[in-house]
Amino acid sequence: MSLVTRDGSALSTARRPRDPDITATIGGTPLVALDRLFPPERFQVYAKCERFNPGGSIKDRAAKSMLEEAIRTSKVVPGVSTVVESSSGNLGIALAQLCNFHGIALVCVVDPHTTTQNIAIMRAYGARVEVVDRDPASGQYLPARIARVRALLEAVPDAYWPNQYANECNALAHHHTMREICEALPRAPDHLFLATSTTGTLRGCADYCRENGLATRVTAVDAVGSVIFGPPEPGSIRHPRRIPGHGAAIVPPLLRPDLADRVVRVTDYECVRGCRRLLASESILAGGSSGAVVSALQRSSSSIEPGATCVVVLPDGGDRYLDTIYSDSWVDTHLRPYPNRSPHHEQDRNEV
């Protein structure tokens, strides 16, 4: 069908496909070789660089998956609903961008470890940000954040909580992450190293491997003092967790005990060393959980078979950590007084 304009030319009324918008750029992140940091003569290492998502982190994938499913099922109605979520920073930014795009209000509950830059970015997208203090009973921030989310759900009309720690769409988003990794390589990697917090990335990647019969061994990188894979090890109180992005003070409902073949726990100081080695060797400015993954692989290198292919997932960039991880004065003040390494840093899956 066509209409005729005043000059007699035909104007087509056929509907063309919608042009890509900013949400279409989520995913498809590059896989780059880390040959300078890990010389390939013994084994090959590639990094999945998630900072190239539009919101700057791997959390864009989970936010898109959770929010679009909530809109599809009418749990969230643009212009009516308010999304309420707890975040240490990256998921909050991802949700803020997507909620702004879809015309949805967002209240994000954070804690003092969330950087001022991350809070400023969320507010720039129009999110309301609330900062809570430690939970009096546990001394942890996460229980306090979740308690505030529950209170907001009661107080805010038409509020919806994606609940990244229990939402299956969080994990499903990372089937795509693992598929992209496999499609970028001649064959599936022998080893996959990834940071854990909600365990959405771990669950999604591990499930993809098993559903497709892949022999990839998955190493979950956790923080010293975290309870994800069991009670904190003796002495972990000497390693306060100040770097967000991995570790948790609760066991996420998404976790299954058989997801990881191995668990490696790292200190904040090791995160900093990993970040700085990555920057010095590869010119990659990465965030704290990326440094944790790099340190975990370096520590595990003696157990990796010659000729193996390893992939590390780098969740975000380091530009939001310039005042912490890349600040010598911050490291001297907050991290150097503590031991550099946990005496019980690694477990096989059977020991978890």
Protein backbone atom coordinates (compact mmCIF):
# COMPACT_ATOMS: atom_id res chain seq x y z
CA MET A 1 0.00 0.00 0.00
CA SER A 2 1.22 3.52 -0.74
CA LEU A 3 0.01 7.09 -0.55
CA VAL A 4 0.53 9.78 -3.20
CA THR A 5 2.17 13.07 -2.19
CA ARG A 6 1.29 16.48 -3.69
CA ASP A 7 4.03 16.18 -6.32
CA GLY A 8 2.68 12.82 -7.41
CA SER A 9 5.40 10.64 -5.89
CA ALA A 10 4.50 7.51 -3.99
CA LEU A 11 5.01 7.34 -0.22
CA SER A 12 5.22 3.81 1.17
CA THR A 13 3.28 3.08 4.36
CA ALA A 14 4.86 -0.32 4.88
CA ARG A 15 6.25 -0.59 8.43
CA ARG A 16 10.02 -1.00 8.41
CA PRO A 17 11.84 -2.88 11.17
CA ARG A 18 12.57 -0.80 14.24
CA ASP A 19 16.06 0.69 14.19
CA PRO A 20 18.43 -0.54 16.92
CA ASP A 21 18.29 1.50 20.12
CA ILE A 22 20.74 1.68 23.03
CA THR A 23 19.36 -1.54 24.55
CA ALA A 24 20.35 -3.44 21.40
CA THR A 25 24.02 -2.75 22.14
CA ILE A 26 23.98 -4.88 25.30
CA GLY A 27 26.05 -8.04 24.81
CA GLY A 28 28.38 -8.94 21.98
CA THR A 29 31.37 -7.76 24.01
CA PRO A 30 34.91 -8.47 22.73
CA LEU A 31 37.11 -11.41 23.68
CA VAL A 32 40.75 -10.31 23.77
CA ALA A 33 43.99 -12.24 24.27
CA LEU A 34 46.05 -11.58 27.41
CA ASP A 35 49.35 -12.75 25.90
CA ARG A 36 51.48 -10.22 27.76
CA LEU A 37 50.17 -11.05 31.21
CA PHE A 38 49.94 -14.78 30.52
CA PRO A 39 52.50 -15.82 27.87
CA PRO A 40 50.78 -18.31 25.55
CA GLU A 41 53.67 -20.76 25.38
CA ARG A 42 52.14 -22.71 28.28
CA PHE A 43 48.41 -21.93 27.99
CA GLN A 44 46.27 -19.32 26.24
CA VAL A 45 44.20 -16.78 28.15
CA TYR A 46 41.39 -14.61 26.76
CA ALA A 47 39.38 -11.92 28.55
CA LYS A 48 35.68 -11.26 28.00
CA CYS A 49 35.60 -7.47 28.38
CA GLU A 50 32.17 -6.53 29.74
CA ARG A 51 32.99 -2.86 30.20
CA PHE A 52 31.94 -2.37 26.56
CA ASN A 53 28.27 -2.75 27.42
CA PRO A 54 26.52 0.65 27.28
CA GLY A 55 26.15 0.85 31.06
CA GLY A 56 29.77 -0.15 31.53
CA SER A 57 29.44 -3.60 33.07
CA ILE A 58 28.22 -7.18 32.82
CA LYS A 59 25.20 -6.18 34.92
CA ASP A 60 23.65 -4.64 31.79
CA ARG A 61 22.86 -8.18 30.65
CA ALA A 62 21.05 -9.13 33.86
CA ALA A 63 19.22 -5.81 34.09
CA LYS A 64 17.93 -6.10 30.54
CA SER A 65 16.84 -9.69 31.01
CA MET A 66 15.04 -9.05 34.30
CA LEU A 67 13.41 -5.77 33.31
CA GLU A 68 12.21 -6.83 29.87
CA GLU A 69 10.64 -9.98 31.30
CA ALA A 70 8.92 -7.91 34.01
CA ILE A 71 7.53 -5.56 31.34
CA ARG A 72 6.45 -8.48 29.13
CA THR A 73 4.53 -10.07 32.00
CA SER A 74 3.07 -6.70 33.15
CA LYS A 75 4.78 -6.89 36.54
CA VAL A 76 6.23 -3.52 35.55
CA VAL A 77 4.20 -0.95 33.63
CA PRO A 78 6.13 2.01 32.16
CA GLY A 79 4.83 5.30 33.52
CA VAL A 80 3.14 3.57 36.45
CA SER A 81 5.50 1.19 38.25
CA THR A 82 8.55 1.88 40.39
CA VAL A 83 11.45 -0.57 40.35
CA VAL A 84 13.17 -0.99 43.71
CA GLU A 85 16.50 -2.83 43.92
CA SER A 86 19.59 -3.28 46.09
CA SER A 87 22.96 -2.82 44.40
CA SER A 88 26.63 -2.23 45.12
CA GLY A 89 26.79 -0.05 42.01
CA ASN A 90 26.86 -1.71 38.60
CA LEU A 91 23.38 -3.23 38.58
CA GLY A 92 22.04 0.08 39.85
CA ILE A 93 23.61 1.89 36.90
CA ALA A 94 22.33 -0.71 34.45
CA LEU A 95 18.80 -0.51 35.82
CA ALA A 96 18.94 3.29 35.95
CA GLN A 97 19.80 3.48 32.27
CA LEU A 98 17.12 0.99 31.23
CA CYS A 99 14.43 2.41 33.52
CA ASN A 100 15.16 5.87 32.14
CA PHE A 101 14.86 4.48 28.61
CA HIS A 102 11.51 2.80 29.32
CA GLY A 103 10.07 5.64 31.42
CA ILE A 104 10.07 3.71 34.71
CA ALA A 105 10.89 5.17 38.13
CA LEU A 106 13.77 3.54 40.03
CA VAL A 107 14.79 3.58 43.68
CA CYS A 108 18.22 2.02 44.24
CA VAL A 109 19.41 1.10 47.74
CA VAL A 110 23.19 1.19 48.14
CA ASP A 111 25.73 1.31 50.98
CA PRO A 112 28.79 3.46 51.78
CA HIS A 113 31.08 1.19 49.73
CA THR A 114 29.29 2.31 46.56
CA THR A 115 31.49 4.95 44.96
CA THR A 116 30.33 8.54 44.73
CA GLN A 117 30.79 8.34 40.97
CA ASN A 118 28.44 5.36 40.67
CA ILE A 119 25.82 7.15 42.75
CA ALA A 120 26.20 10.25 40.59
CA ILE A 121 25.69 8.19 37.41
CA MET A 122 22.51 6.61 38.77
CA ARG A 123 21.15 10.00 39.73
CA ALA A 124 22.05 11.41 36.31
CA TYR A 125 19.75 8.76 34.80
CA GLY A 126 16.98 9.94 37.13
CA ALA A 127 17.18 7.24 39.80
CA ARG A 128 16.51 7.95 43.45
CA VAL A 129 19.42 6.59 45.50
CA GLU A 130 19.21 5.69 49.19
CA VAL A 131 22.34 4.90 51.21
CA VAL A 132 21.96 2.60 54.22
CA ASP A 133 24.31 1.75 57.07
CA ARG A 134 25.28 -1.69 58.41
CA ASP A 135 22.71 -4.12 59.70
CA PRO A 136 22.95 -3.93 63.52
CA ALA A 137 22.57 -7.68 64.00
CA SER A 138 25.10 -8.95 61.44
CA GLY A 139 27.33 -5.92 60.97
CA GLN A 140 26.93 -6.39 57.19
CA TYR A 141 25.57 -3.99 54.58
CA LEU A 142 23.65 -6.39 52.34
CA PRO A 143 21.03 -7.43 54.94
CA ALA A 144 20.43 -3.74 55.65
CA ARG A 145 20.00 -2.99 51.94
CA ILE A 146 17.51 -5.82 51.51
CA ALA A 147 15.58 -4.78 54.62
CA ARG A 148 15.24 -1.27 53.17
CA VAL A 149 14.07 -2.71 49.84
CA ARG A 150 11.34 -4.68 51.64
CA ALA A 151 10.24 -1.55 53.47
CA LEU A 152 10.06 0.40 50.21
CA LEU A 153 7.96 -2.34 48.61
CA GLU A 154 5.39 -1.75 51.33
CA ALA A 155 5.53 2.03 51.12
CA VAL A 156 5.81 2.77 47.38
CA PRO A 157 2.70 2.21 45.20
CA ASP A 158 3.13 -0.24 42.30
CA ALA A 159 6.66 -1.12 43.42
CA TYR A 160 8.47 -4.08 41.90
CA TRP A 161 11.65 -5.78 43.14
CA PRO A 162 13.64 -7.62 40.44
CA ASN A 163 15.64 -9.34 43.23
CA GLN A 164 18.83 -10.08 41.35
CA TYR A 165 19.84 -12.71 43.93
CA ALA A 166 16.86 -14.94 43.15
CA ASN A 167 15.66 -13.92 39.69
CA GLU A 168 16.10 -16.71 37.14
CA CYS A 169 16.30 -14.11 34.36
CA ASN A 170 19.59 -12.94 35.88
CA ALA A 171 21.07 -16.38 35.24
CA LEU A 172 19.40 -16.84 31.86
CA ALA A 173 21.10 -13.68 30.59
CA HIS A 174 24.46 -15.41 30.93
CA HIS A 175 23.58 -18.31 28.68
CA HIS A 176 24.22 -15.65 26.03
CA THR A 177 27.51 -14.65 27.68
CA MET A 178 28.83 -18.21 27.52
CA ARG A 179 27.51 -18.76 24.01
CA GLU A 180 29.37 -15.65 22.82
CA ILE A 181 32.57 -16.98 24.38
CA CYS A 182 32.21 -20.33 22.64
CA GLU A 183 31.35 -18.76 19.30
CA ALA A 184 34.46 -16.55 19.45
CA LEU A 185 36.83 -19.50 19.93
CA PRO A 186 37.65 -22.53 17.76
CA ARG A 187 36.33 -24.72 20.58
CA ALA A 188 34.90 -24.29 24.06
CA PRO A 189 37.46 -23.12 26.66
CA ASP A 190 39.01 -25.64 29.01
CA HIS A 191 38.75 -23.26 31.96
CA LEU A 192 36.43 -20.38 32.80
CA PHE A 193 37.20 -17.98 35.67
CA LEU A 194 34.46 -15.61 36.82
CA ALA A 195 33.62 -13.50 39.87
CA THR A 196 30.61 -14.38 42.02
CA SER A 197 28.17 -12.19 43.92
CA THR A 198 24.55 -12.90 43.00
CA THR A 199 25.94 -16.03 41.24
CA GLY A 200 23.87 -15.15 38.17
CA THR A 201 26.91 -15.24 35.88
CA LEU A 202 28.10 -18.49 37.45
CA ARG A 203 24.68 -20.13 37.19
CA GLY A 204 24.07 -19.04 33.59
CA CYS A 205 27.51 -19.99 32.27
CA ALA A 206 27.65 -23.31 34.14
CA ASP A 207 24.15 -24.28 33.01
CA TYR A 208 25.04 -23.48 29.40
CA CYS A 209 28.15 -25.66 29.63
CA ARG A 210 26.23 -28.62 31.02
CA GLU A 211 23.25 -28.28 28.70
CA ASN A 212 25.63 -28.31 25.72
CA GLY A 213 27.91 -31.08 26.97
CA LEU A 214 30.98 -28.83 27.33
CA ALA A 215 33.93 -30.02 29.38
CA THR A 216 34.77 -26.50 30.55
CA ARG A 217 35.89 -26.39 34.18
CA VAL A 218 34.34 -23.41 35.96
CA THR A 219 36.24 -21.61 38.71
CA ALA A 220 34.18 -19.29 40.90
CA VAL A 221 36.17 -16.39 42.33
CA ASP A 222 34.84 -15.24 45.68
CA ALA A 223 35.97 -12.71 48.28
CA VAL A 224 37.65 -13.62 51.53
CA GLY A 225 34.98 -13.18 54.20
CA SER A 226 32.10 -13.91 51.84
CA VAL A 227 29.54 -16.59 52.82
CA ILE A 228 28.45 -17.63 49.31
CA PHE A 229 30.23 -20.99 49.40
CA GLY A 230 30.17 -21.56 53.12
CA PRO A 231 31.04 -19.84 56.41
CA PRO A 232 33.95 -17.40 56.31
CA GLU A 233 37.28 -19.11 56.83
CA PRO A 234 39.24 -18.59 60.08
CA GLY A 235 41.05 -15.30 60.09
CA SER A 236 38.86 -13.68 57.44
CA ILE A 237 37.83 -10.95 59.88
CA ARG A 238 41.30 -9.55 59.24
CA HIS A 239 40.34 -8.96 55.60
CA PRO A 240 37.55 -6.34 55.55
CA ARG A 241 35.73 -6.27 52.21
CA ARG A 242 35.82 -2.76 50.80
CA ILE A 243 35.86 -3.46 47.05
CA PRO A 244 32.36 -4.14 45.66
CA GLY A 245 31.46 -6.48 42.83
CA HIS A 246 32.12 -9.95 44.22
CA GLY A 247 31.38 -11.78 47.44
CA ALA A 248 28.18 -11.55 49.47
CA ALA A 249 26.94 -11.63 53.03
CA ILE A 250 24.09 -14.00 52.12
CA VAL A 251 23.87 -17.25 50.19
CA PRO A 252 22.08 -16.29 46.94
CA PRO A 253 18.99 -18.38 46.11
CA LEU A 254 20.35 -18.73 42.56
CA LEU A 255 23.29 -20.78 43.83
CA ARG A 256 23.40 -24.55 43.40
CA PRO A 257 26.20 -26.48 45.11
CA ASP A 258 27.38 -28.16 41.90
CA LEU A 259 27.84 -25.05 39.75
CA ALA A 260 31.55 -24.45 40.37
CA ASP A 261 34.27 -27.03 39.89
CA ARG A 262 36.53 -24.98 42.12
CA VAL A 263 36.29 -21.91 44.35
CA VAL A 264 39.14 -19.45 44.84
CA ARG A 265 38.85 -16.71 47.44
CA VAL A 266 40.86 -13.51 47.13
CA THR A 267 41.49 -10.51 49.37
CA ASP A 268 40.89 -6.89 48.43
CA TYR A 269 44.64 -6.41 48.24
CA GLU A 270 44.87 -9.20 45.67
CA CYS A 271 42.12 -7.48 43.67
CA VAL A 272 44.23 -4.33 43.54
CA ARG A 273 47.34 -6.26 42.49
CA GLY A 274 45.38 -8.05 39.77
CA CYS A 275 43.99 -4.79 38.44
CA ARG A 276 47.37 -3.12 38.36
CA ARG A 277 49.08 -6.07 36.70
CA LEU A 278 46.38 -6.12 34.05
CA LEU A 279 46.85 -2.40 33.44
CA ALA A 280 50.64 -2.59 33.34
CA SER A 281 50.78 -5.63 31.05
CA GLU A 282 47.75 -5.26 28.79
CA SER A 283 46.76 -1.58 29.15
CA ILE A 284 43.30 -2.69 30.34
CA LEU A 285 41.85 -0.46 33.05
CA ALA A 286 39.57 -2.86 34.92
CA GLY A 287 37.41 -2.88 38.04
CA GLY A 288 37.96 -4.70 41.31
CA SER A 289 36.25 -7.99 40.51
CA SER A 290 38.29 -8.18 37.31
CA GLY A 291 41.43 -7.92 39.39
CA ALA A 292 40.10 -10.69 41.61
CA VAL A 293 39.64 -13.00 38.61
CA VAL A 294 43.11 -12.21 37.24
CA SER A 295 44.71 -12.91 40.64
CA ALA A 296 42.77 -16.17 40.94
CA LEU A 297 44.04 -17.35 37.56
CA GLN A 298 47.62 -16.37 38.37
CA ARG A 299 47.41 -18.29 41.62
CA SER A 300 45.93 -21.33 39.83
CA SER A 301 48.36 -21.34 36.92
CA SER A 302 50.40 -24.29 38.19
CA SER A 303 47.34 -26.56 38.02
CA ILE A 304 46.37 -25.62 34.46
CA GLU A 305 47.41 -28.17 31.89
CA PRO A 306 49.81 -27.14 29.09
CA GLY A 307 48.03 -26.06 25.91
CA ALA A 308 44.77 -25.28 27.68
CA THR A 309 42.51 -22.39 26.72
CA CYS A 310 41.32 -20.21 29.61
CA VAL A 311 38.75 -17.42 29.63
CA VAL A 312 38.44 -14.81 32.36
CA VAL A 313 35.32 -12.66 32.55
CA LEU A 314 36.17 -9.02 33.35
CA PRO A 315 32.89 -7.60 34.72
CA ASP A 316 33.59 -3.86 34.42
CA GLY A 317 36.10 -1.12 33.79
CA GLY A 318 38.31 0.72 36.24
CA ASP A 319 37.33 4.30 35.47
CA ARG A 320 34.86 4.23 38.38
CA TYR A 321 37.57 3.06 40.80
CA LEU A 322 40.20 5.73 40.25
CA ASP A 323 39.78 7.04 43.80
CA THR A 324 40.08 3.59 45.36
CA ILE A 325 41.82 0.73 43.54
CA TYR A 326 44.09 3.04 41.53
CA SER A 327 44.78 5.45 44.39
CA ASP A 328 47.99 4.65 46.30
CA SER A 329 46.84 6.71 49.28
CA TRP A 330 43.52 4.82 49.48
CA VAL A 331 45.28 1.45 49.29
CA ASP A 332 47.83 2.50 51.93
CA THR A 333 45.06 3.63 54.26
CA HIS A 334 42.51 0.87 53.79
CA LEU A 335 44.33 -2.26 52.63
CA ARG A 336 48.04 -2.35 53.46
CA PRO A 337 47.52 -2.78 57.24
CA TYR A 338 45.91 -6.18 56.55
CA PRO A 339 47.43 -9.51 55.44
CA ASN A 340 47.80 -9.78 51.69
CA ARG A 341 46.48 -13.29 51.39
CA SER A 342 44.12 -15.67 53.12
CA PRO A 343 45.65 -18.87 54.52
CA HIS A 344 42.64 -20.83 53.25
CA HIS A 345 42.09 -19.33 49.83
CA GLU A 346 41.20 -22.24 47.59
CA GLN A 347 38.78 -25.14 47.72
CA ASP A 348 37.89 -27.93 45.39
CA ARG A 349 34.17 -28.28 44.71
CA ASN A 350 33.99 -31.33 46.97
CA GLU A 351 35.30 -29.29 49.89
CA VAL A 352 32.75 -26.47 49.52
